[in-house]
Each structure stands twice: as C-alpha cells, then as structure tokens.
C-alpha cells in the first residue's frame, strides 16, 4: 500500500514557476515508477510526465516538454514536478500516481494522491 500526498500548488501568473511535491508513505516507494497527471475543468485527465523507480528514465507530454521537469528522491520518499514558464492552459488539478509498470497510461497506475490545484492567470 502506498499513500501519496501532493503539495505546492497555488495561483501564479503566466511565466512564473512552481514546484510540486508528492510525499509517499511506505517502505516500497523506491520500487514504484511515479507519474504526474492533470485534469482541467471539463476535460479528461491527461498524462503529464513519469519517472522510473531509479530516476534514470523520464517521459513527458509534448505540451510540457522543455518546461516541466520530474525528479525523485528515494531517500525522502518524494517525487517532484518543477514547472517553469507556466501558461494559463496549465491550469488544472495535478495528481501524482504510483505504478509497478513503466507506463504513461493512467489506468495502469495503482495509487493516486488527492491532487493539488494549480492556477495560472494571464
């Protein structure tokens, strides 16, 4: 069992940066691949980025490539999402998730956090 708690969301202006954190409980965090997803009002949840258990492999959605960076600290049971050059279209609830599979598909993630709101004003 893995419990995930996101933090770091807020209201920022276009062009600003934010760093989201996702703290995981349990001693098996380092065995899970981790991902970030987001859901904007009226839209389906979409994949943002994911990182392998070792941190050696990452993948990004085209919409955030070059602006967002995922990282993890297995000693702290935490995964991060550094978001730079934020745009109004990045406004969404951001969720972190854990998976045994190295995947970008939401249904294959086993555990989810409660989400943190990110609002980017123009």
N, C-alpha and C. Protein backbone atom coordinates (compact mmCIF):
# COMPACT_ATOMS: atom_id res chain seq x y z
N UNK A 1 0.85 -1.19 0.00
CA UNK A 1 0.00 0.00 0.00
C UNK A 1 0.89 1.24 0.00
N UNK A 2 0.56 2.19 -0.84
CA UNK A 2 1.30 3.45 -0.93
C UNK A 2 0.29 4.59 -0.82
N UNK A 3 0.54 5.50 0.08
CA UNK A 3 -0.29 6.70 0.19
C UNK A 3 0.51 7.89 -0.33
N UNK A 4 -0.15 8.73 -1.12
CA UNK A 4 0.52 9.84 -1.78
C UNK A 4 -0.16 11.15 -1.39
N UNK A 5 0.64 12.14 -1.07
CA UNK A 5 0.11 13.46 -0.70
C UNK A 5 0.86 14.52 -1.48
N UNK A 6 0.12 15.24 -2.33
CA UNK A 6 0.71 16.31 -3.12
C UNK A 6 0.68 17.63 -2.36
N UNK A 7 1.61 18.50 -2.69
CA UNK A 7 1.63 19.85 -2.13
C UNK A 7 2.35 20.77 -3.11
N UNK A 8 2.22 22.07 -2.87
CA UNK A 8 2.96 23.03 -3.67
C UNK A 8 2.14 23.77 -4.71
N UNK A 9 0.87 23.42 -4.84
CA UNK A 9 0.04 24.12 -5.81
C UNK A 9 -0.25 25.55 -5.37
N UNK A 10 -0.82 26.32 -6.26
CA UNK A 10 -1.15 27.69 -5.92
C UNK A 10 -1.59 28.47 -7.13
N UNK A 11 -1.69 29.78 -6.94
CA UNK A 11 -2.09 30.70 -8.01
C UNK A 11 -0.86 31.51 -8.42
N UNK A 12 -0.52 31.45 -9.69
CA UNK A 12 0.64 32.18 -10.20
C UNK A 12 0.26 32.87 -11.49
N UNK A 13 1.15 33.73 -11.96
CA UNK A 13 0.94 34.40 -13.23
C UNK A 13 1.67 33.66 -14.35
N UNK A 14 1.21 33.88 -15.55
CA UNK A 14 1.86 33.28 -16.71
C UNK A 14 3.35 33.64 -16.72
N UNK A 15 4.16 32.64 -16.98
CA UNK A 15 5.61 32.83 -16.99
C UNK A 15 6.29 32.49 -15.68
N UNK A 16 5.51 32.35 -14.62
CA UNK A 16 6.08 32.01 -13.31
C UNK A 16 6.42 30.53 -13.24
N UNK A 17 7.00 30.16 -12.11
CA UNK A 17 7.37 28.77 -11.85
C UNK A 17 6.71 28.29 -10.55
N UNK A 18 6.54 26.98 -10.48
CA UNK A 18 6.05 26.31 -9.27
C UNK A 18 6.74 24.97 -9.18
N UNK A 19 6.93 24.50 -7.96
CA UNK A 19 7.42 23.14 -7.77
C UNK A 19 6.41 22.38 -6.93
N UNK A 20 5.89 21.32 -7.50
CA UNK A 20 5.00 20.43 -6.77
C UNK A 20 5.81 19.31 -6.14
N UNK A 21 5.34 18.87 -4.98
CA UNK A 21 5.94 17.72 -4.30
C UNK A 21 4.88 16.67 -4.06
N UNK A 22 5.31 15.44 -4.03
CA UNK A 22 4.42 14.33 -3.73
C UNK A 22 5.15 13.43 -2.74
N UNK A 23 4.67 13.41 -1.52
CA UNK A 23 5.28 12.61 -0.47
C UNK A 23 4.56 11.28 -0.38
N UNK A 24 5.34 10.20 -0.36
CA UNK A 24 4.78 8.86 -0.32
C UNK A 24 5.06 8.18 1.01
N UNK A 25 4.09 7.43 1.47
CA UNK A 25 4.29 6.63 2.66
C UNK A 25 4.71 5.23 2.25
N UNK A 26 5.24 4.48 3.19
CA UNK A 26 5.59 3.11 2.89
C UNK A 26 7.05 2.94 2.53
N UNK A 27 7.54 1.74 2.76
CA UNK A 27 8.95 1.46 2.53
C UNK A 27 9.25 1.01 1.12
N UNK A 28 8.18 0.90 0.29
CA UNK A 28 8.38 0.37 -1.05
C UNK A 28 8.36 1.44 -2.12
N UNK A 29 8.44 2.72 -1.72
CA UNK A 29 8.36 3.82 -2.68
C UNK A 29 9.37 3.65 -3.81
N UNK A 30 10.59 3.27 -3.46
CA UNK A 30 11.65 3.20 -4.46
C UNK A 30 11.41 2.10 -5.50
N UNK A 31 10.45 1.23 -5.26
CA UNK A 31 10.17 0.17 -6.24
C UNK A 31 9.08 0.57 -7.22
N UNK A 32 8.51 1.75 -7.04
CA UNK A 32 7.44 2.21 -7.91
C UNK A 32 7.94 3.26 -8.90
N UNK A 33 7.44 3.14 -10.12
CA UNK A 33 7.57 4.23 -11.07
C UNK A 33 6.51 5.27 -10.71
N UNK A 34 6.83 6.54 -10.90
CA UNK A 34 5.93 7.60 -10.48
C UNK A 34 5.53 8.48 -11.65
N UNK A 35 4.33 9.01 -11.57
CA UNK A 35 3.86 9.88 -12.64
C UNK A 35 3.08 11.07 -12.10
N UNK A 36 2.96 12.07 -12.95
CA UNK A 36 2.09 13.21 -12.69
C UNK A 36 1.06 13.29 -13.82
N UNK A 37 -0.17 13.51 -13.41
CA UNK A 37 -1.27 13.71 -14.33
C UNK A 37 -1.96 15.01 -13.95
N UNK A 38 -2.80 15.51 -14.82
CA UNK A 38 -3.57 16.71 -14.50
C UNK A 38 -4.95 16.64 -15.13
N UNK A 39 -5.87 17.35 -14.51
CA UNK A 39 -7.23 17.41 -15.02
C UNK A 39 -7.75 18.83 -14.90
N UNK A 40 -8.06 19.40 -16.04
CA UNK A 40 -8.63 20.73 -16.08
C UNK A 40 -10.15 20.62 -16.05
N UNK A 41 -10.84 21.68 -15.61
CA UNK A 41 -12.31 21.64 -15.55
C UNK A 41 -12.92 21.29 -16.91
N UNK A 42 -13.81 20.31 -16.89
CA UNK A 42 -14.49 19.93 -18.11
C UNK A 42 -13.67 19.09 -19.06
N UNK A 43 -12.47 18.73 -18.65
CA UNK A 43 -11.60 17.92 -19.52
C UNK A 43 -11.24 16.61 -18.86
N UNK A 44 -10.78 15.68 -19.67
CA UNK A 44 -10.36 14.40 -19.14
C UNK A 44 -8.97 14.54 -18.51
N UNK A 45 -8.70 13.64 -17.60
CA UNK A 45 -7.37 13.59 -17.01
C UNK A 45 -6.34 13.27 -18.10
N UNK A 46 -5.20 13.94 -18.03
CA UNK A 46 -4.18 13.70 -19.03
C UNK A 46 -2.82 13.47 -18.38
N UNK A 47 -2.04 12.69 -19.07
CA UNK A 47 -0.67 12.40 -18.64
C UNK A 47 0.19 13.64 -18.78
N UNK A 48 1.04 13.87 -17.79
CA UNK A 48 1.99 14.99 -17.84
C UNK A 48 3.42 14.48 -17.97
N UNK A 49 3.81 13.60 -17.03
CA UNK A 49 5.17 13.11 -17.03
C UNK A 49 5.28 11.89 -16.13
N UNK A 50 6.33 11.10 -16.33
CA UNK A 50 6.57 9.98 -15.44
C UNK A 50 8.07 9.76 -15.31
N UNK A 51 8.45 9.07 -14.22
CA UNK A 51 9.85 8.79 -13.95
C UNK A 51 9.97 7.36 -13.47
N UNK A 52 11.02 6.68 -13.88
CA UNK A 52 11.23 5.30 -13.46
C UNK A 52 11.64 5.25 -11.99
N UNK A 53 11.62 4.06 -11.42
CA UNK A 53 11.93 3.91 -10.00
C UNK A 53 13.33 4.42 -9.67
N UNK A 54 14.25 4.27 -10.60
CA UNK A 54 15.63 4.70 -10.34
C UNK A 54 15.86 6.16 -10.69
N UNK A 55 14.92 6.75 -11.40
CA UNK A 55 15.13 8.11 -11.87
C UNK A 55 15.86 8.18 -13.20
N UNK A 56 16.22 7.02 -13.73
CA UNK A 56 17.03 7.00 -14.94
C UNK A 56 16.26 7.19 -16.23
N UNK A 57 14.96 7.08 -16.16
CA UNK A 57 14.13 7.21 -17.36
C UNK A 57 12.97 8.15 -17.08
N UNK A 58 12.77 9.11 -17.96
CA UNK A 58 11.64 10.03 -17.84
C UNK A 58 10.91 10.14 -19.17
N UNK A 59 9.67 10.58 -19.09
CA UNK A 59 8.87 10.79 -20.30
C UNK A 59 7.95 11.98 -20.03
N UNK A 60 7.72 12.79 -21.07
CA UNK A 60 6.91 13.99 -20.92
C UNK A 60 5.87 14.09 -22.02
N UNK A 61 4.74 14.68 -21.68
CA UNK A 61 3.77 15.05 -22.71
C UNK A 61 4.37 16.17 -23.55
N UNK A 62 4.01 16.21 -24.81
CA UNK A 62 4.56 17.24 -25.70
C UNK A 62 4.23 18.65 -25.19
N UNK A 63 3.09 18.78 -24.55
CA UNK A 63 2.64 20.11 -24.11
C UNK A 63 3.50 20.70 -22.99
N UNK A 64 4.27 19.86 -22.31
CA UNK A 64 5.08 20.36 -21.19
C UNK A 64 6.58 20.15 -21.41
N UNK A 65 6.93 19.48 -22.48
CA UNK A 65 8.33 19.16 -22.74
C UNK A 65 9.14 20.45 -22.84
N UNK A 66 10.27 20.47 -22.13
CA UNK A 66 11.12 21.65 -22.13
C UNK A 66 10.76 22.67 -21.07
N UNK A 67 9.59 22.53 -20.46
CA UNK A 67 9.16 23.47 -19.41
C UNK A 67 9.06 22.79 -18.05
N UNK A 68 8.66 21.52 -18.02
CA UNK A 68 8.47 20.78 -16.78
C UNK A 68 9.59 19.76 -16.62
N UNK A 69 9.95 19.52 -15.36
CA UNK A 69 10.96 18.51 -15.05
C UNK A 69 10.51 17.68 -13.86
N UNK A 70 10.51 16.37 -14.05
CA UNK A 70 10.18 15.46 -12.95
C UNK A 70 11.48 14.94 -12.35
N UNK A 71 11.47 14.76 -11.04
CA UNK A 71 12.62 14.18 -10.36
C UNK A 71 12.12 13.46 -9.11
N UNK A 72 12.99 12.68 -8.52
CA UNK A 72 12.58 11.97 -7.31
C UNK A 72 13.77 11.83 -6.37
N UNK A 73 13.45 11.72 -5.10
CA UNK A 73 14.45 11.48 -4.06
C UNK A 73 13.97 10.28 -3.27
N UNK A 74 14.51 9.12 -3.57
CA UNK A 74 14.02 7.90 -2.92
C UNK A 74 14.34 7.88 -1.43
N UNK A 75 15.36 8.59 -1.02
CA UNK A 75 15.69 8.65 0.40
C UNK A 75 14.63 9.43 1.18
N UNK A 76 13.96 10.34 0.48
CA UNK A 76 12.92 11.15 1.12
C UNK A 76 11.51 10.70 0.73
N UNK A 77 11.42 9.62 -0.05
CA UNK A 77 10.11 9.13 -0.50
C UNK A 77 9.29 10.23 -1.16
N UNK A 78 9.93 11.01 -2.01
CA UNK A 78 9.28 12.16 -2.60
C UNK A 78 9.59 12.26 -4.09
N UNK A 79 8.57 12.64 -4.84
CA UNK A 79 8.75 12.94 -6.25
C UNK A 79 8.35 14.41 -6.46
N UNK A 80 9.05 15.07 -7.37
CA UNK A 80 8.85 16.48 -7.59
C UNK A 80 8.45 16.76 -9.04
N UNK A 81 7.76 17.87 -9.21
CA UNK A 81 7.47 18.36 -10.55
C UNK A 81 7.80 19.85 -10.58
N UNK A 82 8.91 20.17 -11.23
CA UNK A 82 9.30 21.56 -11.41
C UNK A 82 8.63 22.08 -12.67
N UNK A 83 7.85 23.13 -12.52
CA UNK A 83 7.10 23.68 -13.64
C UNK A 83 7.56 25.11 -13.89
N UNK A 84 8.14 25.33 -15.05
CA UNK A 84 8.62 26.65 -15.43
C UNK A 84 7.82 27.19 -16.60
N UNK A 85 7.91 28.49 -16.81
CA UNK A 85 7.22 29.14 -17.94
C UNK A 85 5.76 28.71 -18.00
N UNK A 86 5.09 28.79 -16.88
CA UNK A 86 3.71 28.33 -16.81
C UNK A 86 2.81 29.15 -17.71
N UNK A 87 1.81 28.47 -18.25
CA UNK A 87 0.84 29.08 -19.17
C UNK A 87 -0.57 28.91 -18.58
N UNK A 88 -1.50 29.75 -18.97
CA UNK A 88 -2.88 29.58 -18.47
C UNK A 88 -3.44 28.20 -18.76
N UNK A 89 -3.04 27.60 -19.85
CA UNK A 89 -3.54 26.26 -20.18
C UNK A 89 -2.96 25.17 -19.30
N UNK A 90 -2.02 25.51 -18.44
CA UNK A 90 -1.51 24.55 -17.46
C UNK A 90 -2.41 24.48 -16.22
N UNK A 91 -3.41 25.35 -16.15
CA UNK A 91 -4.32 25.35 -15.02
C UNK A 91 -5.06 24.03 -14.94
N UNK A 92 -4.97 23.38 -13.77
CA UNK A 92 -5.57 22.06 -13.58
C UNK A 92 -5.32 21.61 -12.15
N UNK A 93 -5.98 20.53 -11.79
CA UNK A 93 -5.61 19.80 -10.58
C UNK A 93 -4.55 18.79 -10.98
N UNK A 94 -3.45 18.80 -10.27
CA UNK A 94 -2.33 17.92 -10.57
C UNK A 94 -2.30 16.77 -9.56
N UNK A 95 -2.18 15.57 -10.11
CA UNK A 95 -2.17 14.36 -9.30
C UNK A 95 -0.86 13.61 -9.50
N UNK A 96 -0.31 13.10 -8.41
CA UNK A 96 0.79 12.15 -8.58
C UNK A 96 0.23 10.74 -8.41
N UNK A 97 0.93 9.80 -9.00
CA UNK A 97 0.47 8.43 -9.01
C UNK A 97 1.66 7.49 -9.04
N UNK A 98 1.44 6.28 -8.55
CA UNK A 98 2.50 5.27 -8.47
C UNK A 98 2.09 4.03 -9.24
N UNK A 99 3.04 3.45 -9.93
CA UNK A 99 2.75 2.28 -10.74
C UNK A 99 3.90 1.29 -10.69
N UNK A 100 3.57 -0.01 -10.73
CA UNK A 100 4.59 -1.05 -10.87
C UNK A 100 5.07 -1.15 -12.31
N UNK A 101 4.25 -0.64 -13.24
CA UNK A 101 4.60 -0.68 -14.65
C UNK A 101 5.18 0.65 -15.09
N UNK A 102 6.15 0.60 -15.98
CA UNK A 102 6.71 1.82 -16.55
C UNK A 102 5.80 2.22 -17.71
N UNK A 103 4.88 3.13 -17.44
CA UNK A 103 3.80 3.42 -18.37
C UNK A 103 3.41 4.89 -18.28
N UNK A 104 2.70 5.35 -19.31
CA UNK A 104 2.14 6.69 -19.29
C UNK A 104 0.61 6.63 -19.21
N UNK A 105 0.06 5.43 -19.10
CA UNK A 105 -1.38 5.24 -19.12
C UNK A 105 -1.96 5.28 -17.72
N UNK A 106 -2.86 6.20 -17.49
CA UNK A 106 -3.44 6.37 -16.17
C UNK A 106 -4.03 5.12 -15.55
N UNK A 107 -4.80 4.33 -16.28
CA UNK A 107 -5.41 3.13 -15.66
C UNK A 107 -4.40 2.13 -15.13
N UNK A 108 -3.16 2.24 -15.55
CA UNK A 108 -2.14 1.29 -15.09
C UNK A 108 -1.41 1.77 -13.84
N UNK A 109 -1.82 2.93 -13.33
CA UNK A 109 -1.25 3.40 -12.08
C UNK A 109 -2.10 2.87 -10.93
N UNK A 110 -1.43 2.41 -9.89
CA UNK A 110 -2.11 1.70 -8.80
C UNK A 110 -2.58 2.62 -7.69
N UNK A 111 -1.83 3.65 -7.42
CA UNK A 111 -2.13 4.54 -6.31
C UNK A 111 -2.11 5.99 -6.78
N UNK A 112 -3.01 6.78 -6.19
CA UNK A 112 -3.17 8.18 -6.58
C UNK A 112 -3.24 9.06 -5.34
N UNK A 113 -2.73 10.28 -5.49
CA UNK A 113 -2.90 11.27 -4.46
C UNK A 113 -4.22 11.99 -4.62
N UNK A 114 -4.47 12.94 -3.74
CA UNK A 114 -5.75 13.65 -3.75
C UNK A 114 -5.74 14.85 -4.68
N UNK A 115 -4.57 15.23 -5.13
CA UNK A 115 -4.45 16.33 -6.08
C UNK A 115 -4.15 17.66 -5.44
N UNK A 116 -3.53 18.54 -6.21
CA UNK A 116 -3.26 19.90 -5.77
C UNK A 116 -3.57 20.85 -6.93
N UNK A 117 -4.23 21.94 -6.61
CA UNK A 117 -4.70 22.87 -7.65
C UNK A 117 -3.57 23.81 -8.08
N UNK A 118 -3.42 23.93 -9.37
CA UNK A 118 -2.51 24.91 -9.96
C UNK A 118 -3.33 25.82 -10.86
N UNK A 119 -3.27 27.11 -10.59
CA UNK A 119 -4.00 28.09 -11.39
C UNK A 119 -3.02 29.11 -11.93
N UNK A 120 -3.02 29.27 -13.25
CA UNK A 120 -2.12 30.21 -13.91
C UNK A 120 -2.96 31.30 -14.56
N UNK A 121 -2.76 32.51 -14.10
CA UNK A 121 -3.52 33.63 -14.65
C UNK A 121 -2.72 34.32 -15.76
N UNK A 122 -3.46 34.88 -16.69
CA UNK A 122 -2.79 35.52 -17.84
C UNK A 122 -2.50 36.99 -17.56
